[in-house]
Protein backbone atom coordinates (compact mmCIF):
# COMPACT_ATOMS: atom_id res chain seq x y z
CA UNK A 1 179.18 170.93 247.67
CA UNK A 2 182.81 171.70 247.04
CA UNK A 3 183.56 173.01 243.54
CA UNK A 4 186.96 173.62 241.93
CA UNK A 5 186.84 176.07 239.03
CA UNK A 6 189.58 176.37 236.39
CA UNK A 7 189.68 179.46 234.17
CA UNK A 8 192.24 181.70 232.47
CA UNK A 9 190.00 184.71 233.09
CA UNK A 10 188.78 185.81 236.49
CA UNK A 11 188.76 188.91 238.65
CA UNK A 12 190.26 191.49 238.24
CA UNK A 13 190.21 190.78 234.48
CA UNK A 14 186.85 192.07 233.18
CA UNK A 15 185.18 190.12 230.38
CA UNK A 16 181.86 188.42 229.88
CA UNK A 17 183.34 185.10 230.97
CA UNK A 18 185.24 186.55 233.92
CA UNK A 19 182.24 188.46 235.28
CA UNK A 20 179.96 185.43 234.86
CA UNK A 21 182.38 183.20 236.77
CA UNK A 22 182.77 185.74 239.56
CA UNK A 23 178.99 185.98 239.87
CA UNK A 24 178.86 182.18 239.98
CA UNK A 25 181.40 181.88 242.81
CA UNK A 26 179.63 184.57 244.82
CA UNK A 27 176.26 182.88 244.34
CA UNK A 28 177.65 179.49 245.31
CA UNK A 29 179.29 180.91 248.43
CA UNK A 30 176.05 182.66 249.40
CA UNK A 31 174.28 179.28 249.17
CA UNK A 32 176.84 177.68 251.51
CA UNK A 33 179.02 175.90 248.94
CA UNK A 34 182.83 176.01 248.96
CA UNK A 35 184.60 177.21 245.81
CA UNK A 36 188.28 177.22 244.86
CA UNK A 37 189.25 179.13 241.68
CA UNK A 38 192.43 178.22 239.79
CA UNK A 39 193.34 181.02 237.43
CA UNK A 40 196.07 183.17 235.90
CA UNK A 41 197.85 186.08 237.58
CA UNK A 42 196.63 189.61 236.83
CA UNK A 43 197.77 192.92 238.34
CA UNK A 44 195.51 193.64 241.29
CA UNK A 45 193.83 197.03 241.75
CA UNK A 46 195.91 199.35 243.92
CA UNK A 47 195.35 198.72 247.61
CA UNK A 48 193.11 195.69 247.10
CA UNK A 49 194.01 192.20 248.33
CA UNK A 50 193.32 189.15 246.21
CA UNK A 51 190.06 187.28 246.57
CA UNK A 52 190.29 184.49 249.18
CA UNK A 53 189.02 181.71 246.89
CA UNK A 54 191.77 182.23 244.30
CA UNK A 55 194.85 180.15 243.54
CA UNK A 56 196.97 181.91 240.88
CA UNK A 57 199.54 180.54 238.48
CA UNK A 58 202.43 182.50 236.90
CA UNK A 59 201.29 184.13 233.64
CA UNK A 60 202.31 186.32 230.71
CA UNK A 61 200.12 188.39 228.34
CA UNK A 62 198.65 186.42 225.43
CA UNK A 63 200.40 187.60 222.26
CA UNK A 64 197.20 187.99 220.18
CA UNK A 65 195.17 189.41 223.05
CA UNK A 66 197.45 191.01 225.65
CA UNK A 67 194.65 191.82 228.10
CA UNK A 68 194.32 188.07 228.71
CA UNK A 69 197.05 186.30 230.65
CA UNK A 70 198.39 182.95 229.45
CA UNK A 71 199.06 180.87 232.54
CA UNK A 72 201.95 178.52 233.22
CA UNK A 73 200.46 176.37 235.98
CA UNK A 74 202.64 173.96 237.92
CA UNK A 75 200.92 170.57 237.72
CA UNK A 76 202.18 169.22 241.03
CA UNK A 77 201.34 172.44 242.87
CA UNK A 78 197.81 172.41 241.43
CA UNK A 79 197.27 168.74 242.26
CA UNK A 80 198.50 169.20 245.85
CA UNK A 81 196.21 172.19 246.38
CA UNK A 82 193.28 170.40 244.76
CA UNK A 83 193.82 167.34 246.96
CA UNK A 84 193.78 169.54 250.06
CA UNK A 85 190.58 171.28 248.89
CA UNK A 86 188.87 167.91 248.22
CA UNK A 87 186.27 169.04 245.68
CA UNK A 88 183.20 167.04 244.74
CA UNK A 89 183.45 168.23 241.14
CA UNK A 90 185.88 170.12 238.88
CA UNK A 91 184.45 172.78 236.56
CA UNK A 92 186.72 173.48 233.58
CA UNK A 93 185.61 176.87 232.24
CA UNK A 94 188.42 177.62 229.77
CA UNK A 95 190.11 175.15 227.53
CA UNK A 96 193.78 176.01 227.40
CA UNK A 97 196.53 176.09 230.04
CA UNK A 98 194.28 176.23 233.10
CA UNK A 99 191.67 173.93 231.60
CA UNK A 100 194.29 171.38 230.60
CA UNK A 101 195.96 171.29 234.00
CA UNK A 102 192.54 171.08 235.69
CA UNK A 103 191.52 168.19 233.47
CA UNK A 104 194.76 166.30 234.15
CA UNK A 105 194.57 166.94 237.89
CA UNK A 106 190.95 165.80 238.07
CA UNK A 107 191.77 162.61 236.14
CA UNK A 108 194.68 161.75 238.42
CA UNK A 109 192.59 162.39 241.55
CA UNK A 110 189.53 160.57 240.20
CA UNK A 111 187.29 163.64 240.23
CA UNK A 112 184.31 164.20 237.90
CA UNK A 113 184.51 167.10 235.44
CA UNK A 114 181.93 169.53 234.12
CA UNK A 115 183.18 171.70 231.23
CA UNK A 116 181.61 174.91 229.96
CA UNK A 117 182.15 176.44 226.52
CA UNK A 118 182.06 180.24 226.39
CA UNK A 119 183.95 181.39 223.31
CA UNK A 120 183.41 180.83 219.59
CA UNK A 121 187.06 180.25 218.74
CA UNK A 122 186.34 179.78 215.04
CA UNK A 123 184.95 183.29 214.69
CA UNK A 124 187.78 184.74 216.79
CA UNK A 125 190.36 182.93 214.66
CA UNK A 126 188.90 184.32 211.44
CA UNK A 127 188.79 187.84 212.89
CA UNK A 128 192.45 187.65 213.94
CA UNK A 129 193.66 186.08 210.69
CA UNK A 130 194.55 182.66 212.10
CA UNK A 131 191.64 180.59 210.75
CA UNK A 132 194.13 177.88 209.74
CA UNK A 133 194.38 176.74 213.39
CA UNK A 134 190.72 175.81 213.76
CA UNK A 135 190.89 172.27 212.35
CA UNK A 136 193.63 171.14 214.72
CA UNK A 137 192.00 173.23 217.44
CA UNK A 138 188.84 171.13 217.26
CA UNK A 139 190.87 167.92 217.50
CA UNK A 140 192.21 169.21 220.81
CA UNK A 141 188.85 170.54 222.04
CA UNK A 142 187.08 167.24 221.32
CA UNK A 143 189.81 165.44 223.26
CA UNK A 144 189.55 167.83 226.21
CA UNK A 145 185.76 167.86 226.28
CA UNK A 146 185.83 164.08 226.10
CA UNK A 147 187.03 164.00 229.72
CA UNK A 148 183.93 165.86 230.96
CA UNK A 149 180.66 164.34 232.08
CA UNK A 150 178.95 167.15 230.18
CA UNK A 151 179.88 170.26 228.20
CA UNK A 152 177.62 173.22 228.97
CA UNK A 153 176.89 175.84 226.30
CA UNK A 154 175.48 179.31 227.07
CA UNK A 155 172.86 179.10 224.32
CA UNK A 156 171.12 176.56 222.11
CA UNK A 157 172.73 178.36 219.17
CA UNK A 158 176.22 177.47 220.39
CA UNK A 159 175.14 174.03 221.55
CA UNK A 160 174.18 173.24 217.94
CA UNK A 161 177.63 174.43 216.86
CA UNK A 162 179.23 172.01 219.34
CA UNK A 163 177.12 169.19 217.93
CA UNK A 164 178.23 170.08 214.41
CA UNK A 165 181.86 169.78 215.55
CA UNK A 166 181.38 166.36 217.10
CA UNK A 167 180.71 167.29 220.74
CA UNK A 168 177.36 165.73 221.66
CA UNK A 169 177.36 165.24 225.45
CA UNK A 170 176.12 168.78 226.00
CA UNK A 171 173.75 170.78 228.17
CA UNK A 172 172.74 174.40 228.62
CA UNK A 173 174.04 176.81 231.23
CA UNK A 174 172.40 179.99 230.03
CA UNK A 175 172.86 183.55 231.35
CA UNK A 176 170.72 185.84 233.44
CA UNK A 177 170.76 189.44 234.56
CA UNK A 178 170.39 191.35 237.82
CA UNK A 179 167.35 193.52 237.12
CA UNK A 180 167.81 195.34 240.41
CA UNK A 181 171.27 196.59 239.48
CA UNK A 182 170.57 197.05 235.76
CA UNK A 183 167.37 199.08 235.77
CA UNK A 184 165.84 202.19 234.13
CA UNK A 185 165.97 204.02 237.47
CA UNK A 186 169.78 204.21 237.13
CA UNK A 187 169.49 206.88 234.42
CA UNK A 188 171.82 209.75 235.35
CA UNK A 189 171.79 213.32 234.02
CA UNK A 190 175.28 213.72 235.49
CA UNK A 191 176.62 210.80 233.41
CA UNK A 192 175.09 212.26 230.25
CA UNK A 193 176.49 215.70 231.00
CA UNK A 194 180.04 214.28 231.06
CA UNK A 195 179.75 213.86 227.30
CA UNK A 196 177.92 217.06 226.54
CA UNK A 197 174.52 215.36 226.24
CA UNK A 198 171.57 217.43 227.36
CA UNK A 199 168.05 216.24 228.25
CA UNK A 200 166.85 216.65 224.65
CA UNK A 201 169.94 215.12 223.03
CA UNK A 202 170.45 211.46 222.16
CA UNK A 203 173.19 209.27 223.61
CA UNK A 204 174.21 206.02 221.92
CA UNK A 205 176.24 203.60 224.06
CA UNK A 206 178.32 200.50 223.45
CA UNK A 207 179.47 198.37 226.40
CA UNK A 208 182.03 195.61 225.98
CA UNK A 209 185.58 194.79 225.06
CA UNK A 210 187.24 197.27 222.71
CA UNK A 211 188.50 194.50 220.50
CA UNK A 212 188.43 193.37 216.88
CA UNK A 213 185.99 190.51 217.31
CA UNK A 214 183.27 192.94 218.47
CA UNK A 215 183.13 194.58 215.00
CA UNK A 216 183.68 198.03 216.46
CA UNK A 217 185.31 199.12 213.20
CA UNK A 218 181.95 198.68 211.49
CA UNK A 219 180.10 200.55 214.21
CA UNK A 220 182.51 203.48 213.98
CA UNK A 221 182.38 203.48 210.17
CA UNK A 222 178.58 203.43 210.25
CA UNK A 223 178.59 206.24 212.78
CA UNK A 224 180.86 208.33 210.58
CA UNK A 225 178.57 207.85 207.58
CA UNK A 226 175.52 209.18 209.43
CA UNK A 227 176.60 212.78 208.94
CA UNK A 228 173.68 215.15 209.54
CA UNK A 229 171.39 212.23 210.37
CA UNK A 230 173.21 212.01 213.69
CA UNK A 231 171.22 215.08 214.80
CA UNK A 232 173.90 215.92 217.37
CA UNK A 233 173.82 212.49 219.02
CA UNK A 234 176.94 211.31 220.84
CA UNK A 235 178.45 207.80 220.90
CA UNK A 236 180.06 206.57 224.13
CA UNK A 237 182.17 203.42 224.20
CA UNK A 238 182.34 201.84 227.66
CA UNK A 239 185.09 199.29 228.23
CA UNK A 240 188.73 198.63 227.57
CA UNK A 241 190.77 196.51 225.22
CA UNK A 242 193.39 196.37 222.48
CA UNK A 243 191.66 198.92 220.22
CA UNK A 244 191.38 201.65 222.86
CA UNK A 245 194.42 203.67 221.85
CA UNK A 246 193.69 203.30 218.13
CA UNK A 247 190.16 204.65 218.62
CA UNK A 248 191.46 207.50 220.75
CA UNK A 249 193.93 208.53 218.07
CA UNK A 250 191.20 208.57 215.41
CA UNK A 251 189.42 211.35 217.35
CA UNK A 252 186.14 210.69 215.54
CA UNK A 253 183.47 213.41 215.87
CA UNK A 254 180.95 212.67 218.59
CA UNK A 255 182.78 209.55 219.83
CA UNK A 256 183.87 209.30 223.47
CA UNK A 257 185.85 206.69 225.39
CA UNK A 258 184.48 206.20 228.90
CA UNK A 259 186.91 203.50 230.07
CA UNK A 260 186.10 200.46 232.15
CA UNK A 261 183.07 200.78 234.43
CA UNK A 262 181.69 198.28 236.92
CA UNK A 263 178.88 198.01 239.43
CA UNK A 264 176.60 201.02 239.81
CA UNK A 265 178.70 203.12 237.43
CA UNK A 266 178.21 200.52 234.71
CA UNK A 267 174.48 200.37 235.43
CA UNK A 268 174.30 204.17 235.09
CA UNK A 269 176.18 204.03 231.78
CA UNK A 270 173.59 201.63 230.38
CA UNK A 271 170.47 203.34 231.73
CA UNK A 272 171.63 206.82 230.70
CA UNK A 273 171.66 205.87 227.02
CA UNK A 274 168.88 206.43 224.52
CA UNK A 275 170.13 203.59 222.32
CA UNK A 276 172.47 200.66 222.90
CA UNK A 277 174.55 199.58 219.90
CA UNK A 278 176.12 196.12 219.94
CA UNK A 279 177.52 195.07 216.54
CA UNK A 280 179.38 191.94 217.71
CA UNK A 281 178.72 188.82 215.58
CA UNK A 282 180.89 186.53 217.75
CA UNK A 283 178.84 186.20 220.94
CA UNK A 284 177.98 182.78 222.30
CA UNK A 285 175.33 184.53 224.43
CA UNK A 286 175.59 188.33 224.62
CA UNK A 287 175.57 189.45 228.27
CA UNK A 288 175.87 193.14 227.36
CA UNK A 289 172.75 193.10 225.21
CA UNK A 290 170.72 191.52 228.02
CA UNK A 291 172.05 194.08 230.53
CA UNK A 292 171.01 196.90 228.19
CA UNK A 293 167.54 195.38 227.92
CA UNK A 294 167.29 195.22 231.70
CA UNK A 295 168.27 198.89 231.84
CA UNK A 296 165.26 199.86 229.77
CA UNK A 297 167.33 200.91 226.77
CA UNK A 298 166.33 200.11 223.16
CA UNK A 299 169.00 197.97 221.53
CA UNK A 300 170.57 197.54 218.12
CA UNK A 301 172.34 194.23 217.54
CA UNK A 302 173.12 191.89 214.67
CA UNK A 303 171.48 188.62 213.60
CA UNK A 304 174.34 186.35 214.61
CA UNK A 305 175.51 184.13 217.43
CA UNK A 306 174.06 183.63 220.86
CA UNK A 307 172.05 186.86 220.98
CA UNK A 308 169.53 185.02 218.81
CA UNK A 309 168.69 183.02 221.95
CA UNK A 310 166.72 185.95 223.38
CA UNK A 311 166.74 188.86 220.89
CA UNK A 312 163.70 189.16 218.61
CA UNK A 313 163.85 191.61 215.73
CA UNK A 314 161.34 194.44 216.08
CA UNK A 315 160.15 192.93 219.35
CA UNK A 316 162.78 193.51 222.01
CA UNK A 317 165.67 194.66 219.78
CA UNK A 318 166.44 195.83 216.26
CA UNK A 319 168.70 193.35 214.49
CA UNK A 320 170.79 194.31 211.46
CA UNK A 321 172.65 191.89 209.21
CA UNK A 322 176.11 190.97 210.52
CA UNK A 323 179.21 192.32 208.74
CA UNK A 324 177.12 195.00 206.97
CA UNK A 325 178.38 198.51 207.65
CA UNK A 326 175.77 200.19 205.44
CA UNK A 327 172.95 198.22 207.00
CA UNK A 328 174.19 199.06 210.48
CA UNK A 329 174.25 202.76 209.55
CA UNK A 330 170.70 202.63 208.21
CA UNK A 331 169.53 200.94 211.40
CA UNK A 332 171.23 203.61 213.51
CA UNK A 333 169.57 206.36 211.47
CA UNK A 334 166.14 204.77 211.76
CA UNK A 335 166.35 204.25 215.50
CA UNK A 336 167.72 207.72 216.19
CA UNK A 337 164.84 209.21 214.23
CA UNK A 338 161.97 207.14 215.64
CA UNK A 339 161.25 207.67 219.37
CA UNK A 340 158.15 205.47 219.21
CA UNK A 341 160.16 202.52 217.92
CA UNK A 342 162.80 203.08 220.60
CA UNK A 343 160.13 203.09 223.32
CA UNK A 344 158.57 199.87 222.05
CA UNK A 345 161.90 198.06 221.86
CA UNK A 346 162.85 199.29 225.34
CA UNK A 347 159.63 197.92 226.84
CA UNK A 348 160.08 194.58 225.08
CA UNK A 349 163.68 194.32 226.24
CA UNK A 350 162.82 194.99 229.87
CA UNK A 351 160.17 192.25 229.79
CA UNK A 352 162.74 189.83 228.37
CA UNK A 353 165.27 190.67 231.09
CA UNK A 354 162.73 190.30 233.88
CA UNK A 355 162.17 186.69 232.82
CA UNK A 356 165.88 185.79 233.08
CA UNK A 357 166.77 185.86 236.78
CA UNK A 358 169.96 184.18 237.96
CA UNK A 359 168.54 181.97 240.74
CA UNK A 360 166.89 179.38 238.51
CA UNK A 361 169.94 179.37 236.21
CA UNK A 362 172.31 178.59 239.08
CA UNK A 363 169.88 175.94 240.37
CA UNK A 364 170.27 174.21 237.03
CA UNK A 365 174.06 174.40 237.16
CA UNK A 366 174.08 172.93 240.67
CA UNK A 367 171.97 170.05 239.38
CA UNK A 368 174.62 169.44 236.72
CA UNK A 369 177.33 169.42 239.39
CA UNK A 370 175.33 167.03 241.55
CA UNK A 371 174.71 164.68 238.65
CA UNK A 372 178.40 164.57 237.74
CA UNK A 373 179.41 163.98 241.36
CA UNK A 374 176.57 161.47 241.89
CA UNK A 375 175.30 163.45 244.84
CA UNK A 376 171.64 163.93 245.78
CA UNK A 377 170.18 167.31 244.83
CA UNK A 378 169.60 168.10 248.50
CA UNK A 379 173.34 168.25 249.04
CA UNK A 380 173.82 170.36 245.91
CA UNK A 381 171.30 172.89 247.22
CA UNK A 382 172.86 173.10 250.70
């Protein structure tokens, strides 16, 4: 098959959506499919060329979220390139500038569209103080999604939210994890030593965007309230984002910023922890939590959003109430003080991750593409 993918976020921008889409394009290419990615322009890493599948549009930083680029695609340029590529299906993965131009181009060229929903914009809007935009936002989203053969949600939790907002032609494109990369064997004494953590000390790790919607302020407040109950544990935040400088300036005791990590370094960061803390209530799935589970690390999350698709309290994770700083602190204290509980949660998490391989998930997505393009599944699996 030939698939055109439209998304504001893609390599080298690192986010849950961007990493998932990069994994998708690499998996499709490995299966013999052709992929063209239409995305925004981001500064490339020094000395690295752009990826060959990418077509970039001029962009500027998004005013509320400057790590994300807002694209200004040229409609005619996109349509000409799309016509040359001759896709069987167009996959609209983000809903704004790139998604809009992809939808218009597909309509003019008579191409079927699959859309995927990744972000809970209502929760983001409330967190950034612009909740007033959500009503008109859903008018637009229903219009945009109305052009798609199907709108794919990452979890049944978010699919139900789409239904409640009047989007009913839905399906599931869930998430998996690479249990070879993210594995307990990646545990590294050298990584722990960077933060002054010895073999008998405890290391708590967060991995994700350093941004408001992740509720990092609550995690840091809960951490500060632990006091002596911390028992010398250290907290390492892995990632980058708008809050990075603010957190650095706070210079909180026992808190370290590790920056953005990818690949094996990221896998080591997960596996080297004794506890993974993920307070975000805004996830439509929760890739980071699943990666921590795969790494054999006990996890602390909150009972909200897409993590409820696979996280079971006291089974494979410990789930606190969302938006509850005191409750989060009590959960941290309990987990830090109970090695038996941590071991049980770690074992349950690893079993969960082992059941969520990517191959079957991408098989399902290819079936969605084939159905939209009215192609036999044999061609989709080529």
